[in-house]
Amino acid sequence: MKREQKKTRDLVRRPRFGACLAAISEPELYRNFAIHLLVMFPSAIVMCFIASRIDSGLGLEPFLTPPWSLISGGAMIFTGGFWVWYVYGYLFLSGGGSPGSHVDGGPSTLVDTGPYTVIRHPSVLGKLLGVAGLGLAWGSWTFELVFVPVLLLYSLLTNRYLQERYCDQRFGSQYQTYRSRVPMLLPRPSGIRRWLANQAAVGEDGPRAAGVSPPGIWMELRWYLVGLLLLIGFFAALLAGVHMLFQR
């Protein structure tokens, strides 16, 4: 109880950039990062390997080779990871909970400022950049042109029908207002102006919506894992189909 009261007391509606980066030292945040690194990054490596084998089956040469593939891909991975680090820190400090509901139930307060006043899921941009950088490091045509769009669609669907469903249950009508004003992924000029002007998306009048974890929110990670396994199985089947087709 005391811990929850401390979280509520320490919430900052517009945390500073340095504070967002320093928040990585909090267990709720670095545990969430550990799950991403230990589960999703290895999955992306497996997908890159499958994509490279499909390239080989199609007779496609890497579109970029070392050292430039590693340099450019590494730069994109670093930039994407740094952005995710920042926006996750912002969400943690302003919302009072880990970005991953599987760690501590997720943010307990609606966040509608900073990068979250521009788009609803700013972390997706960093993840997309990192995954595309991984494909660039491999130089795989199939990964960049087929796998990355499929992974983006998967991310958007899980965000819309898992994360946002729980946000609707937790924050009610205020989240519905937030969703009507803030796009999911593609920024609008109005949102960029709000961020530059340090304005909130829902408004400053009245307290931000707060709530407890809805029943079943801990299932989110399981659905992510099931989705990743299905994606890997789909891409593996695609690889098998390519080999069967071109070996005839």
C-alpha atoms as a PDB file:
ATOM      1  CA  MET A   1       0.000   0.000   0.000  1.00  0.00           C
ATOM      2  CA  LYS A   2       2.791   2.410   0.928  1.00  0.00           C
ATOM      3  CA  ARG A   3       4.564   1.621  -2.336  1.00  0.00           C
ATOM      4  CA  GLU A   4       1.437   2.476  -4.355  1.00  0.00           C
ATOM      5  CA  GLN A   5       1.032   5.733  -2.423  1.00  0.00           C
ATOM      6  CA  LYS A   6       4.671   6.619  -3.139  1.00  0.00           C
ATOM      7  CA  LYS A   7       4.133   5.968  -6.854  1.00  0.00           C
ATOM      8  CA  THR A   8       1.116   8.259  -6.912  1.00  0.00           C
ATOM      9  CA  ARG A   9       2.940  10.970  -4.966  1.00  0.00           C
ATOM     10  CA  ASP A  10       6.011  10.861  -7.209  1.00  0.00           C
ATOM     11  CA  LEU A  11       4.180  11.063 -10.546  1.00  0.00           C
ATOM     12  CA  VAL A  12       5.428  13.824 -12.834  1.00  0.00           C
ATOM     13  CA  ARG A  13       3.181  14.857 -15.689  1.00  0.00           C
ATOM     14  CA  ARG A  14       6.097  16.071 -17.843  1.00  0.00           C
ATOM     15  CA  PRO A  15       9.296  14.325 -16.686  1.00  0.00           C
ATOM     16  CA  ARG A  16      12.603  15.690 -17.918  1.00  0.00           C
ATOM     17  CA  PHE A  17      14.665  13.905 -20.545  1.00  0.00           C
ATOM     18  CA  GLY A  18      17.468  12.952 -18.153  1.00  0.00           C
ATOM     19  CA  ALA A  19      15.015  11.639 -15.576  1.00  0.00           C
ATOM     20  CA  CYS A  20      13.400   9.421 -18.222  1.00  0.00           C
ATOM     21  CA  LEU A  21      16.767   7.854 -19.041  1.00  0.00           C
ATOM     22  CA  ALA A  22      17.683   7.468 -15.359  1.00  0.00           C
ATOM     23  CA  ALA A  23      14.421   5.615 -14.706  1.00  0.00           C
ATOM     24  CA  ILE A  24      15.996   2.496 -16.237  1.00  0.00           C
ATOM     25  CA  SER A  25      17.416   1.789 -12.765  1.00  0.00           C
ATOM     26  CA  GLU A  26      13.898   1.087 -11.480  1.00  0.00           C
ATOM     27  CA  PRO A  27      13.112  -2.664 -11.272  1.00  0.00           C
ATOM     28  CA  GLU A  28       9.767  -2.282 -13.044  1.00  0.00           C
ATOM     29  CA  LEU A  29      11.505  -0.746 -16.051  1.00  0.00           C
ATOM     30  CA  TYR A  30      14.640  -2.858 -16.408  1.00  0.00           C
ATOM     31  CA  ARG A  31      12.621  -6.050 -15.936  1.00  0.00           C
ATOM     32  CA  ASN A  32      10.455  -5.005 -18.856  1.00  0.00           C
ATOM     33  CA  PHE A  33      13.568  -4.353 -20.959  1.00  0.00           C
ATOM     34  CA  ALA A  34      15.003  -7.726 -19.944  1.00  0.00           C
ATOM     35  CA  ILE A  35      11.870  -9.482 -21.184  1.00  0.00           C
ATOM     36  CA  HIS A  36      12.157  -7.691 -24.533  1.00  0.00           C
ATOM     37  CA  LEU A  37      15.840  -8.544 -24.878  1.00  0.00           C
ATOM     38  CA  LEU A  38      15.495 -12.182 -23.835  1.00  0.00           C
ATOM     39  CA  VAL A  39      12.318 -12.959 -25.770  1.00  0.00           C
ATOM     40  CA  MET A  40      11.677 -10.612 -28.673  1.00  0.00           C
ATOM     41  CA  PHE A  41      15.211  -9.866 -29.837  1.00  0.00           C
ATOM     42  CA  PRO A  42      16.179 -13.562 -30.197  1.00  0.00           C
ATOM     43  CA  SER A  43      12.896 -14.092 -32.046  1.00  0.00           C
ATOM     44  CA  ALA A  44      13.849 -11.345 -34.494  1.00  0.00           C
ATOM     45  CA  ILE A  45      17.265 -13.013 -34.988  1.00  0.00           C
ATOM     46  CA  VAL A  46      15.535 -16.299 -35.845  1.00  0.00           C
ATOM     47  CA  MET A  47      13.305 -14.446 -38.307  1.00  0.00           C
ATOM     48  CA  CYS A  48      16.363 -12.811 -39.910  1.00  0.00           C
ATOM     49  CA  PHE A  49      17.948 -16.221 -40.356  1.00  0.00           C
ATOM     50  CA  ILE A  50      14.785 -17.577 -41.977  1.00  0.00           C
ATOM     51  CA  ALA A  51      14.583 -14.510 -44.231  1.00  0.00           C
ATOM     52  CA  SER A  52      18.205 -14.936 -45.314  1.00  0.00           C
ATOM     53  CA  ARG A  53      17.495 -18.559 -46.243  1.00  0.00           C
ATOM     54  CA  ILE A  54      14.496 -17.449 -48.299  1.00  0.00           C
ATOM     55  CA  ASP A  55      16.764 -14.900 -50.034  1.00  0.00           C
ATOM     56  CA  SER A  56      19.172 -17.709 -50.812  1.00  0.00           C
ATOM     57  CA  GLY A  57      16.371 -19.880 -52.188  1.00  0.00           C
ATOM     58  CA  LEU A  58      15.238 -17.017 -54.414  1.00  0.00           C
ATOM     59  CA  GLY A  59      18.781 -16.332 -55.556  1.00  0.00           C
ATOM     60  CA  LEU A  60      18.883 -12.858 -53.970  1.00  0.00           C
ATOM     61  CA  GLU A  61      22.225 -11.422 -52.920  1.00  0.00           C
ATOM     62  CA  PRO A  62      22.412  -9.225 -49.778  1.00  0.00           C
ATOM     63  CA  PHE A  63      21.651  -5.634 -50.729  1.00  0.00           C
ATOM     64  CA  LEU A  64      24.337  -4.431 -48.316  1.00  0.00           C
ATOM     65  CA  THR A  65      27.462  -6.216 -47.102  1.00  0.00           C
ATOM     66  CA  PRO A  66      29.894  -5.718 -44.180  1.00  0.00           C
ATOM     67  CA  PRO A  67      31.172  -3.443 -42.882  1.00  0.00           C
ATOM     68  CA  TRP A  68      28.512  -0.985 -44.071  1.00  0.00           C
ATOM     69  CA  SER A  69      25.625  -3.323 -43.323  1.00  0.00           C
ATOM     70  CA  LEU A  70      26.803  -3.706 -39.727  1.00  0.00           C
ATOM     71  CA  ILE A  71      27.553  -0.003 -39.276  1.00  0.00           C
ATOM     72  CA  SER A  72      24.244   1.261 -40.690  1.00  0.00           C
ATOM     73  CA  GLY A  73      22.204  -1.539 -39.094  1.00  0.00           C
ATOM     74  CA  GLY A  74      23.890  -1.032 -35.738  1.00  0.00           C
ATOM     75  CA  ALA A  75      23.205   2.710 -35.881  1.00  0.00           C
ATOM     76  CA  MET A  76      19.500   2.081 -36.523  1.00  0.00           C
ATOM     77  CA  ILE A  77      19.293  -0.489 -33.726  1.00  0.00           C
ATOM     78  CA  PHE A  78      20.980   1.911 -31.292  1.00  0.00           C
ATOM     79  CA  THR A  79      18.735   4.830 -32.295  1.00  0.00           C
ATOM     80  CA  GLY A  80      15.581   2.740 -32.039  1.00  0.00           C
ATOM     81  CA  GLY A  81      16.624   1.285 -28.687  1.00  0.00           C
ATOM     82  CA  PHE A  82      17.488   4.725 -27.311  1.00  0.00           C
ATOM     83  CA  TRP A  83      14.071   6.067 -28.340  1.00  0.00           C
ATOM     84  CA  VAL A  84      12.280   3.146 -26.680  1.00  0.00           C
ATOM     85  CA  TRP A  85      14.390   3.711 -23.552  1.00  0.00           C
ATOM     86  CA  TYR A  86      13.291   7.366 -23.429  1.00  0.00           C
ATOM     87  CA  VAL A  87       9.574   6.870 -24.078  1.00  0.00           C
ATOM     88  CA  TYR A  88       9.377   3.920 -21.682  1.00  0.00           C
ATOM     89  CA  GLY A  89      11.035   6.043 -18.994  1.00  0.00           C
ATOM     90  CA  TYR A  90       8.577   8.850 -19.729  1.00  0.00           C
ATOM     91  CA  LEU A  91       5.621   6.478 -19.473  1.00  0.00           C
ATOM     92  CA  PHE A  92       6.943   5.007 -16.231  1.00  0.00           C
ATOM     93  CA  LEU A  93       7.491   8.360 -14.510  1.00  0.00           C
ATOM     94  CA  SER A  94       4.311  10.010 -15.744  1.00  0.00           C
ATOM     95  CA  GLY A  95       2.036   6.991 -15.555  1.00  0.00           C
ATOM     96  CA  GLY A  96       3.265   5.314 -12.399  1.00  0.00           C
ATOM     97  CA  GLY A  97       3.881   1.835 -13.778  1.00  0.00           C
ATOM     98  CA  SER A  98       5.951  -0.243 -16.147  1.00  0.00           C
ATOM     99  CA  PRO A  99       5.109  -0.062 -19.877  1.00  0.00           C
ATOM    100  CA  GLY A 100       4.666  -3.840 -19.698  1.00  0.00           C
ATOM    101  CA  SER A 101       1.493  -4.893 -17.916  1.00  0.00           C
ATOM    102  CA  HIS A 102       3.146  -8.291 -17.360  1.00  0.00           C
ATOM    103  CA  VAL A 103       5.638  -6.669 -14.940  1.00  0.00           C
ATOM    104  CA  ASP A 104       3.460  -4.685 -12.538  1.00  0.00           C
ATOM    105  CA  GLY A 105       0.089  -4.262 -14.217  1.00  0.00           C
ATOM    106  CA  GLY A 106       1.117  -1.286 -16.339  1.00  0.00           C
ATOM    107  CA  PRO A 107       0.710   2.480 -15.813  1.00  0.00           C
ATOM    108  CA  SER A 108      -1.873   3.440 -13.211  1.00  0.00           C
ATOM    109  CA  THR A 109      -2.477   6.947 -14.609  1.00  0.00           C
ATOM    110  CA  LEU A 110      -3.278   8.102 -18.144  1.00  0.00           C
ATOM    111  CA  VAL A 111      -0.280   9.685 -19.907  1.00  0.00           C
ATOM    112  CA  ASP A 112      -1.195  12.314 -22.525  1.00  0.00           C
ATOM    113  CA  THR A 113       1.864  14.579 -22.613  1.00  0.00           C
ATOM    114  CA  GLY A 114       5.320  14.559 -24.227  1.00  0.00           C
ATOM    115  CA  PRO A 115       5.716  11.936 -26.970  1.00  0.00           C
ATOM    116  CA  TYR A 116       2.350  10.488 -25.942  1.00  0.00           C
ATOM    117  CA  THR A 117       0.574  13.640 -27.056  1.00  0.00           C
ATOM    118  CA  VAL A 118       1.793  13.023 -30.617  1.00  0.00           C
ATOM    119  CA  ILE A 119       0.971   9.314 -31.075  1.00  0.00           C
ATOM    120  CA  ARG A 120      -0.514   6.698 -28.780  1.00  0.00           C
ATOM    121  CA  HIS A 121       2.311   4.163 -29.157  1.00  0.00           C
ATOM    122  CA  PRO A 122       5.602   6.038 -29.663  1.00  0.00           C
ATOM    123  CA  SER A 123       7.650   2.995 -28.626  1.00  0.00           C
ATOM    124  CA  VAL A 124       6.515   1.226 -31.826  1.00  0.00           C
ATOM    125  CA  LEU A 125       8.574   3.695 -33.866  1.00  0.00           C
ATOM    126  CA  GLY A 126      11.730   2.759 -31.957  1.00  0.00           C
ATOM    127  CA  LYS A 127      11.013  -0.962 -32.210  1.00  0.00           C
ATOM    128  CA  LEU A 128      10.326  -0.626 -35.930  1.00  0.00           C
ATOM    129  CA  LEU A 129      13.606   1.212 -36.427  1.00  0.00           C
ATOM    130  CA  GLY A 130      15.497  -1.414 -34.430  1.00  0.00           C
ATOM    131  CA  VAL A 131      13.963  -4.354 -36.294  1.00  0.00           C
ATOM    132  CA  ALA A 132      14.579  -2.689 -39.665  1.00  0.00           C
ATOM    133  CA  GLY A 133      18.175  -2.085 -38.556  1.00  0.00           C
ATOM    134  CA  LEU A 134      18.539  -5.763 -37.762  1.00  0.00           C
ATOM    135  CA  GLY A 135      17.399  -6.628 -41.279  1.00  0.00           C
ATOM    136  CA  LEU A 136      19.804  -4.037 -42.657  1.00  0.00           C
ATOM    137  CA  ALA A 137      22.686  -5.661 -40.786  1.00  0.00           C
ATOM    138  CA  TRP A 138      21.755  -8.973 -42.433  1.00  0.00           C
ATOM    139  CA  GLY A 139      21.222  -7.299 -45.801  1.00  0.00           C
ATOM    140  CA  SER A 140      18.070  -9.348 -46.325  1.00  0.00           C
ATOM    141  CA  TRP A 141      15.580  -8.266 -48.978  1.00  0.00           C
ATOM    142  CA  THR A 142      12.921 -10.648 -47.691  1.00  0.00           C
ATOM    143  CA  PHE A 143      13.210  -9.439 -44.123  1.00  0.00           C
ATOM    144  CA  GLU A 144      12.917  -5.754 -45.012  1.00  0.00           C
ATOM    145  CA  LEU A 145      10.213  -6.061 -47.668  1.00  0.00           C
ATOM    146  CA  VAL A 146       8.090  -8.882 -46.200  1.00  0.00           C
ATOM    147  CA  PHE A 147       8.920  -9.579 -42.563  1.00  0.00           C
ATOM    148  CA  VAL A 148       9.118  -5.973 -41.310  1.00  0.00           C
ATOM    149  CA  PRO A 149       5.644  -4.992 -42.648  1.00  0.00           C
ATOM    150  CA  VAL A 150       4.164  -8.171 -41.138  1.00  0.00           C
ATOM    151  CA  LEU A 151       5.831  -7.461 -37.788  1.00  0.00           C
ATOM    152  CA  LEU A 152       4.541  -3.877 -37.868  1.00  0.00           C
ATOM    153  CA  LEU A 153       1.013  -5.100 -38.535  1.00  0.00           C
ATOM    154  CA  TYR A 154       1.347  -7.624 -35.694  1.00  0.00           C
ATOM    155  CA  SER A 155       2.498  -4.870 -33.334  1.00  0.00           C
ATOM    156  CA  LEU A 156      -0.354  -2.543 -34.294  1.00  0.00           C
ATOM    157  CA  LEU A 157      -2.962  -5.274 -33.864  1.00  0.00           C
ATOM    158  CA  THR A 158      -1.683  -6.329 -30.436  1.00  0.00           C
ATOM    159  CA  ASN A 159      -1.475  -2.706 -29.297  1.00  0.00           C
ATOM    160  CA  ARG A 160      -4.991  -1.954 -30.491  1.00  0.00           C
ATOM    161  CA  TYR A 161      -6.744  -5.107 -29.315  1.00  0.00           C
ATOM    162  CA  LEU A 162      -4.708  -5.976 -26.198  1.00  0.00           C
ATOM    163  CA  GLN A 163      -3.158  -2.848 -24.695  1.00  0.00           C
ATOM    164  CA  GLU A 164      -5.866  -0.391 -25.668  1.00  0.00           C
ATOM    165  CA  ARG A 165      -8.636  -2.726 -24.572  1.00  0.00           C
ATOM    166  CA  TYR A 166      -7.183  -2.694 -21.073  1.00  0.00           C
ATOM    167  CA  CYS A 167      -6.700   1.077 -21.233  1.00  0.00           C
ATOM    168  CA  ASP A 168     -10.402   1.425 -22.058  1.00  0.00           C
ATOM    169  CA  GLN A 169     -11.265  -0.657 -19.018  1.00  0.00           C
ATOM    170  CA  ARG A 170      -8.827   1.179 -16.773  1.00  0.00           C
ATOM    171  CA  PHE A 171      -9.231   4.838 -17.789  1.00  0.00           C
ATOM    172  CA  GLY A 172     -12.751   4.866 -19.221  1.00  0.00           C
ATOM    173  CA  SER A 173     -14.100   7.855 -21.126  1.00  0.00           C
ATOM    174  CA  GLN A 174     -10.916   9.892 -20.689  1.00  0.00           C
ATOM    175  CA  TYR A 175      -8.940   7.315 -22.657  1.00  0.00           C
ATOM    176  CA  GLN A 176     -11.610   7.300 -25.349  1.00  0.00           C
ATOM    177  CA  THR A 177     -11.206  11.071 -25.634  1.00  0.00           C
ATOM    178  CA  TYR A 178      -7.439  10.627 -25.763  1.00  0.00           C
ATOM    179  CA  ARG A 179      -7.745   8.029 -28.515  1.00  0.00           C
ATOM    180  CA  SER A 180     -10.001  10.300 -30.578  1.00  0.00           C
ATOM    181  CA  ARG A 181      -7.454  13.129 -30.426  1.00  0.00           C
ATOM    182  CA  VAL A 182      -4.187  11.228 -30.754  1.00  0.00           C
ATOM    183  CA  PRO A 183      -3.426   8.941 -33.734  1.00  0.00           C
ATOM    184  CA  MET A 184      -2.058   5.454 -33.197  1.00  0.00           C
ATOM    185  CA  LEU A 185       1.191   5.721 -35.146  1.00  0.00           C
ATOM    186  CA  LEU A 186       1.255   8.460 -37.817  1.00  0.00           C
ATOM    187  CA  PRO A 187       1.797  11.912 -36.233  1.00  0.00           C
ATOM    188  CA  ARG A 188      -0.382  14.884 -37.089  1.00  0.00           C
ATOM    189  CA  PRO A 189       0.878  18.488 -37.177  1.00  0.00           C
ATOM    190  CA  SER A 190      -1.487  19.312 -34.292  1.00  0.00           C
ATOM    191  CA  GLY A 191       0.138  16.651 -32.107  1.00  0.00           C
ATOM    192  CA  ILE A 192       3.642  17.878 -32.887  1.00  0.00           C
ATOM    193  CA  ARG A 193       2.554  21.428 -32.037  1.00  0.00           C
ATOM    194  CA  ARG A 194       1.137  20.205 -28.715  1.00  0.00           C
ATOM    195  CA  TRP A 195       4.425  18.524 -27.845  1.00  0.00           C
ATOM    196  CA  LEU A 196       6.471  21.604 -28.769  1.00  0.00           C
ATOM    197  CA  ALA A 197       4.090  23.782 -26.759  1.00  0.00           C
ATOM    198  CA  ASN A 198       4.261  21.350 -23.813  1.00  0.00           C
ATOM    199  CA  GLN A 199       0.507  20.807 -23.903  1.00  0.00           C
ATOM    200  CA  ALA A 200      -1.549  17.776 -22.914  1.00  0.00           C
ATOM    201  CA  ALA A 201      -3.762  15.945 -25.391  1.00  0.00           C
ATOM    202  CA  VAL A 202      -6.796  15.613 -23.130  1.00  0.00           C
ATOM    203  CA  GLY A 203      -6.317  18.926 -21.354  1.00  0.00           C
ATOM    204  CA  GLU A 204      -5.194  20.383 -18.078  1.00  0.00           C
ATOM    205  CA  ASP A 205      -8.649  20.733 -16.568  1.00  0.00           C
ATOM    206  CA  GLY A 206      -9.141  18.170 -13.851  1.00  0.00           C
ATOM    207  CA  PRO A 207      -7.082  15.189 -12.706  1.00  0.00           C
ATOM    208  CA  ARG A 208      -5.881  12.497 -15.067  1.00  0.00           C
ATOM    209  CA  ALA A 209      -7.816   9.264 -15.119  1.00  0.00           C
ATOM    210  CA  ALA A 210      -6.458   6.547 -12.839  1.00  0.00           C
ATOM    211  CA  GLY A 211      -7.443   2.984 -12.237  1.00  0.00           C
ATOM    212  CA  VAL A 212      -6.425  -0.491 -11.152  1.00  0.00           C
ATOM    213  CA  SER A 213      -5.346  -3.386 -13.351  1.00  0.00           C
ATOM    214  CA  PRO A 214      -8.367  -4.929 -15.106  1.00  0.00           C
ATOM    215  CA  PRO A 215      -8.875  -8.683 -14.659  1.00  0.00           C
ATOM    216  CA  GLY A 216      -6.863 -10.723 -17.118  1.00  0.00           C
ATOM    217  CA  ILE A 217      -4.291  -8.056 -17.969  1.00  0.00           C
ATOM    218  CA  TRP A 218      -1.480 -10.453 -17.017  1.00  0.00           C
ATOM    219  CA  MET A 219      -2.457 -12.515 -20.085  1.00  0.00           C
ATOM    220  CA  GLU A 220      -0.981  -9.867 -22.383  1.00  0.00           C
ATOM    221  CA  LEU A 221       2.536 -11.343 -22.335  1.00  0.00           C
ATOM    222  CA  ARG A 222       1.186 -14.799 -23.111  1.00  0.00           C
ATOM    223  CA  TRP A 223      -0.603 -13.498 -26.179  1.00  0.00           C
ATOM    224  CA  TYR A 224       2.588 -11.753 -27.318  1.00  0.00           C
ATOM    225  CA  LEU A 225       4.538 -14.999 -26.964  1.00  0.00           C
ATOM    226  CA  VAL A 226       1.871 -16.984 -28.816  1.00  0.00           C
ATOM    227  CA  GLY A 227       1.898 -14.375 -31.565  1.00  0.00           C
ATOM    228  CA  LEU A 228       5.680 -14.514 -31.938  1.00  0.00           C
ATOM    229  CA  LEU A 229       5.638 -18.299 -32.146  1.00  0.00           C
ATOM    230  CA  LEU A 230       2.920 -18.179 -34.786  1.00  0.00           C
ATOM    231  CA  LEU A 231       4.896 -15.625 -36.790  1.00  0.00           C
ATOM    232  CA  ILE A 232       8.044 -17.753 -36.655  1.00  0.00           C
ATOM    233  CA  GLY A 233       6.003 -20.788 -37.731  1.00  0.00           C
ATOM    234  CA  PHE A 234       4.462 -18.819 -40.601  1.00  0.00           C
ATOM    235  CA  PHE A 235       7.850 -17.602 -41.841  1.00  0.00           C
ATOM    236  CA  ALA A 236       9.326 -21.112 -41.506  1.00  0.00           C
ATOM    237  CA  ALA A 237       6.455 -22.469 -43.607  1.00  0.00           C
ATOM    238  CA  LEU A 238       7.158 -19.725 -46.147  1.00  0.00           C
ATOM    239  CA  LEU A 239      10.796 -20.834 -46.269  1.00  0.00           C
ATOM    240  CA  ALA A 240       9.745 -24.445 -46.833  1.00  0.00           C
ATOM    241  CA  GLY A 241       7.407 -23.349 -49.610  1.00  0.00           C
ATOM    242  CA  VAL A 242      10.143 -21.376 -51.359  1.00  0.00           C
ATOM    243  CA  HIS A 243      12.543 -24.330 -51.243  1.00  0.00           C
ATOM    244  CA  MET A 244       9.922 -26.729 -52.552  1.00  0.00           C
ATOM    245  CA  LEU A 245       9.016 -24.343 -55.376  1.00  0.00           C
ATOM    246  CA  PHE A 246      12.561 -23.647 -56.540  1.00  0.00           C
ATOM    247  CA  GLN A 247      13.904 -27.155 -56.131  1.00  0.00           C
ATOM    248  CA  ARG A 248      11.485 -28.589 -58.686  1.00  0.00           C
END
